[in-house]
Amino acid sequence: MGDLSNRIGRLDSEAEYAARTFDHANSRFENTRDEQEERELLRTVALALNALGNIRLAQAMLLNSND
């Protein structure tokens, strides 16, 4: 169970990083007027949300595999 807890804990850290990345990019997006930067920030926001979803899915799969 210790290994599972460690793996889930690492995924929690990754999820927190993805959430901070999303928040930062989203905040910058709301304040920019540059079209190129907007596109790059939207891409970053999309990647962060995708990563967060994948991390949560991995956590659920780890928990279910332990049953």
PDB file of N, CA and C in Angstrom:
ATOM      1  N   MET A   1       0.819  -1.194   0.000  1.00  0.00           N
ATOM      2  CA  MET A   1       0.000   0.000   0.000  1.00  0.00           C
ATOM      3  C   MET A   1       0.867   1.264   0.000  1.00  0.00           C
ATOM      4  N   GLY A   2       2.075   1.180   0.568  1.00  0.00           N
ATOM      5  CA  GLY A   2       2.963   2.334   0.607  1.00  0.00           C
ATOM      6  C   GLY A   2       3.329   2.813  -0.782  1.00  0.00           C
ATOM      7  N   ASP A   3       3.646   1.860  -1.672  1.00  0.00           N
ATOM      8  CA  ASP A   3       4.002   2.229  -3.047  1.00  0.00           C
ATOM      9  C   ASP A   3       2.831   2.917  -3.741  1.00  0.00           C
ATOM     10  N   LEU A   4       1.629   2.400  -3.527  1.00  0.00           N
ATOM     11  CA  LEU A   4       0.439   3.002  -4.124  1.00  0.00           C
ATOM     12  C   LEU A   4       0.245   4.424  -3.598  1.00  0.00           C
ATOM     13  N   SER A   5       0.410   4.605  -2.303  1.00  0.00           N
ATOM     14  CA  SER A   5       0.274   5.944  -1.714  1.00  0.00           C
ATOM     15  C   SER A   5       1.310   6.899  -2.287  1.00  0.00           C
ATOM     16  N   ASN A   6       2.534   6.421  -2.459  1.00  0.00           N
ATOM     17  CA  ASN A   6       3.588   7.262  -3.037  1.00  0.00           C
ATOM     18  C   ASN A   6       3.258   7.652  -4.471  1.00  0.00           C
ATOM     19  N   ARG A   7       2.776   6.695  -5.239  1.00  0.00           N
ATOM     20  CA  ARG A   7       2.442   6.971  -6.640  1.00  0.00           C
ATOM     21  C   ARG A   7       1.296   7.978  -6.741  1.00  0.00           C
ATOM     22  N   ILE A   8       0.282   7.793  -5.900  1.00  0.00           N
ATOM     23  CA  ILE A   8      -0.846   8.719  -5.914  1.00  0.00           C
ATOM     24  C   ILE A   8      -0.398  10.098  -5.432  1.00  0.00           C
ATOM     25  N   GLY A   9       0.484  10.128  -4.432  1.00  0.00           N
ATOM     26  CA  GLY A   9       1.015  11.402  -3.951  1.00  0.00           C
ATOM     27  C   GLY A   9       1.780  12.146  -5.030  1.00  0.00           C
ATOM     28  N   ARG A  10       2.586  11.421  -5.794  1.00  0.00           N
ATOM     29  CA  ARG A  10       3.315  12.052  -6.905  1.00  0.00           C
ATOM     30  C   ARG A  10       2.337  12.593  -7.949  1.00  0.00           C
ATOM     31  N   LEU A  11       1.289  11.835  -8.210  1.00  0.00           N
ATOM     32  CA  LEU A  11       0.285  12.304  -9.164  1.00  0.00           C
ATOM     33  C   LEU A  11      -0.438  13.538  -8.633  1.00  0.00           C
ATOM     34  N   ASP A  12      -0.664  13.591  -7.310  1.00  0.00           N
ATOM     35  CA  ASP A  12      -1.266  14.790  -6.716  1.00  0.00           C
ATOM     36  C   ASP A  12      -0.385  16.008  -6.962  1.00  0.00           C
ATOM     37  N   SER A  13       0.924  15.833  -6.791  1.00  0.00           N
ATOM     38  CA  SER A  13       1.863  16.937  -7.030  1.00  0.00           C
ATOM     39  C   SER A  13       1.809  17.384  -8.487  1.00  0.00           C
ATOM     40  N   GLU A  14       1.754  16.415  -9.385  1.00  0.00           N
ATOM     41  CA  GLU A  14       1.655  16.736 -10.818  1.00  0.00           C
ATOM     42  C   GLU A  14       0.349  17.475 -11.114  1.00  0.00           C
ATOM     43  N   ALA A  15      -0.734  17.040 -10.463  1.00  0.00           N
ATOM     44  CA  ALA A  15      -2.029  17.689 -10.670  1.00  0.00           C
ATOM     45  C   ALA A  15      -2.000  19.127 -10.163  1.00  0.00           C
ATOM     46  N   GLU A  16      -1.363  19.350  -9.024  1.00  0.00           N
ATOM     47  CA  GLU A  16      -1.248  20.709  -8.496  1.00  0.00           C
ATOM     48  C   GLU A  16      -0.455  21.592  -9.459  1.00  0.00           C
ATOM     49  N   TYR A  17       0.613  21.051 -10.022  1.00  0.00           N
ATOM     50  CA  TYR A  17       1.417  21.809 -10.988  1.00  0.00           C
ATOM     51  C   TYR A  17       0.582  22.145 -12.228  1.00  0.00           C
ATOM     52  N   ALA A  18      -0.171  21.170 -12.729  1.00  0.00           N
ATOM     53  CA  ALA A  18      -1.017  21.405 -13.906  1.00  0.00           C
ATOM     54  C   ALA A  18      -2.070  22.468 -13.601  1.00  0.00           C
ATOM     55  N   ALA A  19      -2.637  22.423 -12.403  1.00  0.00           N
ATOM     56  CA  ALA A  19      -3.650  23.408 -12.026  1.00  0.00           C
ATOM     57  C   ALA A  19      -3.042  24.811 -11.925  1.00  0.00           C
ATOM     58  N   ARG A  20      -1.844  24.914 -11.354  1.00  0.00           N
ATOM     59  CA  ARG A  20      -1.171  26.219 -11.273  1.00  0.00           C
ATOM     60  C   ARG A  20      -0.829  26.736 -12.668  1.00  0.00           C
ATOM     61  N   THR A  21      -0.381  25.833 -13.540  1.00  0.00           N
ATOM     62  CA  THR A  21      -0.071  26.217 -14.917  1.00  0.00           C
ATOM     63  C   THR A  21      -1.321  26.745 -15.611  1.00  0.00           C
ATOM     64  N   PHE A  22      -2.436  26.039 -15.420  1.00  0.00           N
ATOM     65  CA  PHE A  22      -3.706  26.480 -15.995  1.00  0.00           C
ATOM     66  C   PHE A  22      -4.071  27.868 -15.481  1.00  0.00           C
ATOM     67  N   ASP A  23      -4.032  28.052 -14.160  1.00  0.00           N
ATOM     68  CA  ASP A  23      -4.411  29.338 -13.569  1.00  0.00           C
ATOM     69  C   ASP A  23      -3.542  30.478 -14.097  1.00  0.00           C
ATOM     70  N   HIS A  24      -2.241  30.234 -14.162  1.00  0.00           N
ATOM     71  CA  HIS A  24      -1.314  31.267 -14.629  1.00  0.00           C
ATOM     72  C   HIS A  24      -1.587  31.626 -16.097  1.00  0.00           C
ATOM     73  N   ALA A  25      -1.701  30.617 -16.941  1.00  0.00           N
ATOM     74  CA  ALA A  25      -1.933  30.867 -18.369  1.00  0.00           C
ATOM     75  C   ALA A  25      -3.289  31.527 -18.595  1.00  0.00           C
ATOM     76  N   ASN A  26      -4.293  31.084 -17.861  1.00  0.00           N
ATOM     77  CA  ASN A  26      -5.629  31.651 -18.005  1.00  0.00           C
ATOM     78  C   ASN A  26      -5.641  33.122 -17.589  1.00  0.00           C
ATOM     79  N   SER A  27      -4.961  33.432 -16.510  1.00  0.00           N
ATOM     80  CA  SER A  27      -4.866  34.817 -16.048  1.00  0.00           C
ATOM     81  C   SER A  27      -4.146  35.693 -17.077  1.00  0.00           C
ATOM     82  N   ARG A  28      -3.047  35.197 -17.617  1.00  0.00           N
ATOM     83  CA  ARG A  28      -2.317  35.956 -18.639  1.00  0.00           C
ATOM     84  C   ARG A  28      -3.164  36.127 -19.896  1.00  0.00           C
ATOM     85  N   PHE A  29      -3.917  35.076 -20.256  1.00  0.00           N
ATOM     86  CA  PHE A  29      -4.764  35.146 -21.446  1.00  0.00           C
ATOM     87  C   PHE A  29      -5.781  36.280 -21.315  1.00  0.00           C
ATOM     88  N   GLU A  30      -6.361  36.415 -20.126  1.00  0.00           N
ATOM     89  CA  GLU A  30      -7.374  37.442 -19.908  1.00  0.00           C
ATOM     90  C   GLU A  30      -6.801  38.852 -20.014  1.00  0.00           C
ATOM     91  N   ASN A  31      -5.490  38.989 -19.853  1.00  0.00           N
ATOM     92  CA  ASN A  31      -4.870  40.316 -19.833  1.00  0.00           C
ATOM     93  C   ASN A  31      -4.020  40.636 -21.061  1.00  0.00           C
ATOM     94  N   THR A  32      -3.977  39.761 -22.031  1.00  0.00           N
ATOM     95  CA  THR A  32      -3.131  40.021 -23.203  1.00  0.00           C
ATOM     96  C   THR A  32      -3.962  40.545 -24.372  1.00  0.00           C
ATOM     97  N   ARG A  33      -3.292  41.297 -25.203  1.00  0.00           N
ATOM     98  CA  ARG A  33      -3.920  41.802 -26.430  1.00  0.00           C
ATOM     99  C   ARG A  33      -3.224  41.224 -27.666  1.00  0.00           C
ATOM    100  N   ASP A  34      -2.131  40.524 -27.451  1.00  0.00           N
ATOM    101  CA  ASP A  34      -1.338  39.975 -28.548  1.00  0.00           C
ATOM    102  C   ASP A  34      -1.955  38.657 -29.024  1.00  0.00           C
ATOM    103  N   GLU A  35      -2.300  38.604 -30.302  1.00  0.00           N
ATOM    104  CA  GLU A  35      -2.982  37.433 -30.860  1.00  0.00           C
ATOM    105  C   GLU A  35      -2.120  36.170 -30.802  1.00  0.00           C
ATOM    106  N   GLN A  36      -0.845  36.286 -31.104  1.00  0.00           N
ATOM    107  CA  GLN A  36       0.058  35.129 -31.058  1.00  0.00           C
ATOM    108  C   GLN A  36       0.172  34.603 -29.626  1.00  0.00           C
ATOM    109  N   GLU A  37       0.325  35.510 -28.675  1.00  0.00           N
ATOM    110  CA  GLU A  37       0.416  35.084 -27.273  1.00  0.00           C
ATOM    111  C   GLU A  37      -0.887  34.434 -26.822  1.00  0.00           C
ATOM    112  N   GLU A  38      -2.023  34.958 -27.281  1.00  0.00           N
ATOM    113  CA  GLU A  38      -3.312  34.353 -26.952  1.00  0.00           C
ATOM    114  C   GLU A  38      -3.362  32.900 -27.412  1.00  0.00           C
ATOM    115  N   ARG A  39      -2.919  32.648 -28.649  1.00  0.00           N
ATOM    116  CA  ARG A  39      -2.925  31.278 -29.173  1.00  0.00           C
ATOM    117  C   ARG A  39      -2.027  30.366 -28.337  1.00  0.00           C
ATOM    118  N   GLU A  40      -0.845  30.860 -27.980  1.00  0.00           N
ATOM    119  CA  GLU A  40       0.082  30.063 -27.174  1.00  0.00           C
ATOM    120  C   GLU A  40      -0.488  29.791 -25.783  1.00  0.00           C
ATOM    121  N   LEU A  41      -1.130  30.792 -25.207  1.00  0.00           N
ATOM    122  CA  LEU A  41      -1.718  30.615 -23.881  1.00  0.00           C
ATOM    123  C   LEU A  41      -2.903  29.656 -23.924  1.00  0.00           C
ATOM    124  N   LEU A  42      -3.711  29.746 -24.978  1.00  0.00           N
ATOM    125  CA  LEU A  42      -4.824  28.798 -25.116  1.00  0.00           C
ATOM    126  C   LEU A  42      -4.307  27.369 -25.243  1.00  0.00           C
ATOM    127  N   ARG A  43      -3.227  27.206 -25.971  1.00  0.00           N
ATOM    128  CA  ARG A  43      -2.615  25.880 -26.104  1.00  0.00           C
ATOM    129  C   ARG A  43      -2.134  25.391 -24.741  1.00  0.00           C
ATOM    130  N   THR A  44      -1.499  26.265 -23.977  1.00  0.00           N
ATOM    131  CA  THR A  44      -1.025  25.901 -22.644  1.00  0.00           C
ATOM    132  C   THR A  44      -2.189  25.530 -21.734  1.00  0.00           C
ATOM    133  N   VAL A  45      -3.262  26.305 -21.795  1.00  0.00           N
ATOM    134  CA  VAL A  45      -4.451  26.018 -20.989  1.00  0.00           C
ATOM    135  C   VAL A  45      -5.012  24.647 -21.362  1.00  0.00           C
ATOM    136  N   ALA A  46      -5.128  24.377 -22.653  1.00  0.00           N
ATOM    137  CA  ALA A  46      -5.663  23.088 -23.102  1.00  0.00           C
ATOM    138  C   ALA A  46      -4.772  21.931 -22.660  1.00  0.00           C
ATOM    139  N   LEU A  47      -3.463  22.090 -22.786  1.00  0.00           N
ATOM    140  CA  LEU A  47      -2.542  21.033 -22.363  1.00  0.00           C
ATOM    141  C   LEU A  47      -2.612  20.803 -20.858  1.00  0.00           C
ATOM    142  N   ALA A  48      -2.718  21.874 -20.088  1.00  0.00           N
ATOM    143  CA  ALA A  48      -2.804  21.737 -18.632  1.00  0.00           C
ATOM    144  C   ALA A  48      -4.090  21.023 -18.226  1.00  0.00           C
ATOM    145  N   LEU A  49      -5.196  21.375 -18.856  1.00  0.00           N
ATOM    146  CA  LEU A  49      -6.460  20.697 -18.543  1.00  0.00           C
ATOM    147  C   LEU A  49      -6.414  19.227 -18.934  1.00  0.00           C
ATOM    148  N   ASN A  50      -5.830  18.940 -20.082  1.00  0.00           N
ATOM    149  CA  ASN A  50      -5.691  17.556 -20.526  1.00  0.00           C
ATOM    150  C   ASN A  50      -4.819  16.767 -19.552  1.00  0.00           C
ATOM    151  N   ALA A  51      -3.715  17.360 -19.139  1.00  0.00           N
ATOM    152  CA  ALA A  51      -2.822  16.695 -18.186  1.00  0.00           C
ATOM    153  C   ALA A  51      -3.544  16.431 -16.876  1.00  0.00           C
ATOM    154  N   LEU A  52      -4.301  17.404 -16.406  1.00  0.00           N
ATOM    155  CA  LEU A  52      -5.029  17.235 -15.154  1.00  0.00           C
ATOM    156  C   LEU A  52      -6.027  16.086 -15.257  1.00  0.00           C
ATOM    157  N   GLY A  53      -6.747  16.020 -16.358  1.00  0.00           N
ATOM    158  CA  GLY A  53      -7.686  14.919 -16.558  1.00  0.00           C
ATOM    159  C   GLY A  53      -6.991  13.572 -16.616  1.00  0.00           C
ATOM    160  N   ASN A  54      -5.866  13.505 -17.323  1.00  0.00           N
ATOM    161  CA  ASN A  54      -5.114  12.250 -17.414  1.00  0.00           C
ATOM    162  C   ASN A  54      -4.557  11.827 -16.063  1.00  0.00           C
ATOM    163  N   ILE A  55      -4.111  12.790 -15.272  1.00  0.00           N
ATOM    164  CA  ILE A  55      -3.576  12.484 -13.943  1.00  0.00           C
ATOM    165  C   ILE A  55      -4.675  11.917 -13.056  1.00  0.00           C
ATOM    166  N   ARG A  56      -5.827  12.552 -13.069  1.00  0.00           N
ATOM    167  CA  ARG A  56      -6.940  12.059 -12.239  1.00  0.00           C
ATOM    168  C   ARG A  56      -7.382  10.668 -12.705  1.00  0.00           C
ATOM    169  N   LEU A  57      -7.380  10.431 -13.997  1.00  0.00           N
ATOM    170  CA  LEU A  57      -7.714   9.111 -14.522  1.00  0.00           C
ATOM    171  C   LEU A  57      -6.700   8.076 -14.048  1.00  0.00           C
ATOM    172  N   ALA A  58      -5.424   8.416 -14.091  1.00  0.00           N
ATOM    173  CA  ALA A  58      -4.379   7.499 -13.627  1.00  0.00           C
ATOM    174  C   ALA A  58      -4.547   7.187 -12.150  1.00  0.00           C
ATOM    175  N   GLN A  59      -4.906   8.192 -11.357  1.00  0.00           N
ATOM    176  CA  GLN A  59      -5.126   7.954  -9.935  1.00  0.00           C
ATOM    177  C   GLN A  59      -6.287   6.983  -9.727  1.00  0.00           C
ATOM    178  N   ALA A  60      -7.366   7.195 -10.449  1.00  0.00           N
ATOM    179  CA  ALA A  60      -8.523   6.310 -10.322  1.00  0.00           C
ATOM    180  C   ALA A  60      -8.162   4.887 -10.734  1.00  0.00           C
ATOM    181  N   MET A  61      -7.383   4.758 -11.795  1.00  0.00           N
ATOM    182  CA  MET A  61      -6.976   3.426 -12.249  1.00  0.00           C
ATOM    183  C   MET A  61      -6.087   2.748 -11.207  1.00  0.00           C
ATOM    184  N   LEU A  62      -5.192   3.503 -10.591  1.00  0.00           N
ATOM    185  CA  LEU A  62      -4.343   2.936  -9.539  1.00  0.00           C
ATOM    186  C   LEU A  62      -5.181   2.463  -8.359  1.00  0.00           C
ATOM    187  N   LEU A  63      -6.140   3.271  -7.967  1.00  0.00           N
ATOM    188  CA  LEU A  63      -6.994   2.889  -6.840  1.00  0.00           C
ATOM    189  C   LEU A  63      -7.824   1.655  -7.169  1.00  0.00           C
ATOM    190  N   ASN A  64      -8.361   1.595  -8.384  1.00  0.00           N
ATOM    191  CA  ASN A  64      -9.174   0.443  -8.780  1.00  0.00           C
ATOM    192  C   ASN A  64      -8.346  -0.823  -8.926  1.00  0.00           C
ATOM    193  N   SER A  65      -7.090  -0.695  -9.330  1.00  0.00           N
ATOM    194  CA  SER A  65      -6.246  -1.881  -9.506  1.00  0.00           C
ATOM    195  C   SER A  65      -5.828  -2.471  -8.170  1.00  0.00           C
ATOM    196  N   ASN A  66      -5.980  -1.697  -7.116  1.00  0.00           N
ATOM    197  CA  ASN A  66      -5.593  -2.163  -5.786  1.00  0.00           C
ATOM    198  C   ASN A  66      -6.711  -2.953  -5.118  1.00  0.00           C
ATOM    199  N   ASP A  67      -7.912  -2.958  -5.700  1.00  0.00           N
ATOM    200  CA  ASP A  67      -9.058  -3.670  -5.096  1.00  0.00           C
ATOM    201  C   ASP A  67      -8.924  -5.154  -5.188  1.00  0.00           C
TER     202      ASP A  67
END
